[in-house]
Amino acid sequence: MNRSITLLLGAVGFAVILALAVYHGSGKIERDLTQRGEAVLSEKQLSWVSLEAEGRNLWLRGEAPSEQEADQALQLMQALDGVNRVIDEFAILSTTDAPADKPASGDPWSSTIKER
């Protein structure tokens, strides 16, 4: 057999084996990261966090009770072995129902516009 054909067949075989290993390995990595991440979040009582893995990247979603708890969840997931990147898509729940732009004076709230 010609040497170039042998090398070509070897390269094709290697590429097929590599593709199969990557294809079958990524699902295991995602399941492992998800399970370990959910265990850490449960241990720290951060049940409001929803975790999704894609490859070695983690997406965090949920309504955080505070900025501090959102930061804590983010730091915990960044500390997991094997994580490449952590993307947070948190919404921070407001602690007050009143808008932040309340008038400083003692004037009552009004829905009408005063003309000058």
Protein backbone atom coordinates (compact mmCIF):
# COMPACT_ATOMS: atom_id res chain seq x y z
CA MET A 1 0.00 0.00 0.00
CA ASN A 2 1.18 3.46 -0.77
CA ARG A 3 2.56 5.42 2.21
CA SER A 4 0.36 8.49 1.57
CA ILE A 5 -2.80 6.34 1.57
CA THR A 6 -1.74 4.78 4.89
CA LEU A 7 -1.18 8.20 6.42
CA LEU A 8 -4.51 9.46 5.08
CA LEU A 9 -6.41 6.49 6.50
CA GLY A 10 -4.64 6.94 9.85
CA ALA A 11 -5.53 10.65 9.97
CA VAL A 12 -9.17 9.95 9.09
CA GLY A 13 -9.36 7.22 11.75
CA PHE A 14 -7.84 9.54 14.36
CA ALA A 15 -10.31 12.31 13.45
CA VAL A 16 -13.26 9.91 13.80
CA ILE A 17 -12.07 8.68 17.21
CA LEU A 18 -11.47 12.25 18.39
CA ALA A 19 -14.92 13.40 17.21
CA LEU A 20 -16.61 10.50 19.00
CA ALA A 21 -14.69 11.18 22.21
CA VAL A 22 -15.64 14.88 22.17
CA TYR A 23 -19.27 14.13 21.29
CA HIS A 24 -19.74 11.57 24.06
CA GLY A 25 -17.57 13.39 26.62
CA SER A 26 -19.33 16.77 26.54
CA GLY A 27 -22.59 15.38 27.93
CA LYS A 28 -20.78 13.81 30.87
CA ILE A 29 -18.96 17.06 31.61
CA GLU A 30 -22.22 19.05 31.54
CA ARG A 31 -23.98 16.55 33.84
CA ASP A 32 -21.03 16.54 36.25
CA LEU A 33 -20.82 20.34 36.44
CA THR A 34 -24.59 20.62 36.87
CA GLN A 35 -24.68 18.04 39.67
CA ARG A 36 -21.73 19.53 41.54
CA GLY A 37 -23.03 23.08 41.09
CA GLU A 38 -26.53 22.21 42.28
CA ALA A 39 -25.05 20.43 45.32
CA VAL A 40 -23.06 23.53 46.30
CA LEU A 41 -26.05 25.82 45.78
CA SER A 42 -28.25 23.53 47.86
CA GLU A 43 -25.65 23.36 50.63
CA LYS A 44 -25.52 27.17 50.77
CA GLN A 45 -29.35 27.38 50.62
CA LEU A 46 -29.42 29.28 47.34
CA SER A 47 -32.51 27.51 46.00
CA TRP A 48 -33.54 30.53 43.91
CA VAL A 49 -30.66 29.89 41.45
CA SER A 50 -31.38 27.95 38.26
CA LEU A 51 -28.25 26.36 36.78
CA GLU A 52 -27.67 25.29 33.18
CA ALA A 53 -24.42 23.92 31.75
CA GLU A 54 -23.33 24.08 28.13
CA GLY A 55 -19.93 22.50 27.69
CA ARG A 56 -17.82 23.93 30.50
CA ASN A 57 -19.83 27.17 30.68
CA LEU A 58 -22.51 27.73 33.33
CA TRP A 59 -25.57 29.96 33.04
CA LEU A 60 -27.09 31.15 36.30
CA ARG A 61 -30.65 32.47 36.31
CA GLY A 62 -33.15 33.45 38.96
CA GLU A 63 -34.46 36.28 41.10
CA ALA A 64 -31.80 37.07 43.68
CA PRO A 65 -33.05 38.38 47.02
CA SER A 66 -30.04 40.73 47.17
CA GLU A 67 -26.92 41.78 45.29
CA GLN A 68 -24.80 40.01 47.94
CA GLU A 69 -26.56 36.66 47.38
CA ALA A 70 -26.16 37.04 43.62
CA ASP A 71 -22.42 37.68 44.09
CA GLN A 72 -22.16 34.68 46.43
CA ALA A 73 -23.78 32.34 43.88
CA LEU A 74 -21.52 33.68 41.13
CA GLN A 75 -18.34 33.22 43.21
CA LEU A 76 -19.33 29.69 44.26
CA MET A 77 -19.84 28.60 40.65
CA GLN A 78 -16.60 30.25 39.49
CA ALA A 79 -14.75 28.23 42.16
CA LEU A 80 -15.96 24.86 40.80
CA ASP A 81 -13.22 22.78 39.19
CA GLY A 82 -13.65 22.46 35.44
CA VAL A 83 -15.75 25.58 34.90
CA ASN A 84 -14.57 27.74 32.02
CA ARG A 85 -16.99 30.67 32.27
CA VAL A 86 -19.98 31.65 34.43
CA ILE A 87 -22.69 33.85 32.94
CA ASP A 88 -25.22 35.32 35.35
CA GLU A 89 -28.62 36.41 34.18
CA PHE A 90 -29.96 37.34 37.61
CA ALA A 91 -32.77 39.73 38.37
CA ILE A 92 -32.30 41.46 41.72
CA LEU A 93 -35.50 41.70 43.74
CA SER A 94 -36.24 45.14 45.14
CA THR A 95 -36.43 45.39 48.93
CA THR A 96 -38.91 48.25 48.76
CA ASP A 97 -42.04 48.82 46.75
CA ALA A 98 -41.57 52.58 46.60
CA PRO A 99 -39.77 54.09 43.60
CA ALA A 100 -36.28 55.40 44.26
CA ASP A 101 -37.09 58.88 42.93
CA LYS A 102 -39.45 59.86 45.77
CA PRO A 103 -39.50 63.64 46.31
CA ALA A 104 -37.17 64.81 49.05
CA SER A 105 -39.64 67.42 50.26
CA GLY A 106 -42.70 66.59 52.31
CA ASP A 107 -44.99 67.13 49.30
CA PRO A 108 -47.51 64.36 48.77
CA TRP A 109 -47.35 62.19 45.69
CA SER A 110 -49.45 63.38 42.80
CA SER A 111 -50.40 61.92 39.46
CA THR A 112 -51.26 65.31 37.99
CA ILE A 113 -48.90 67.74 36.35
CA LYS A 114 -48.88 71.19 37.88
CA GLU A 115 -48.83 74.10 35.44
CA ARG A 116 -46.83 77.22 36.19
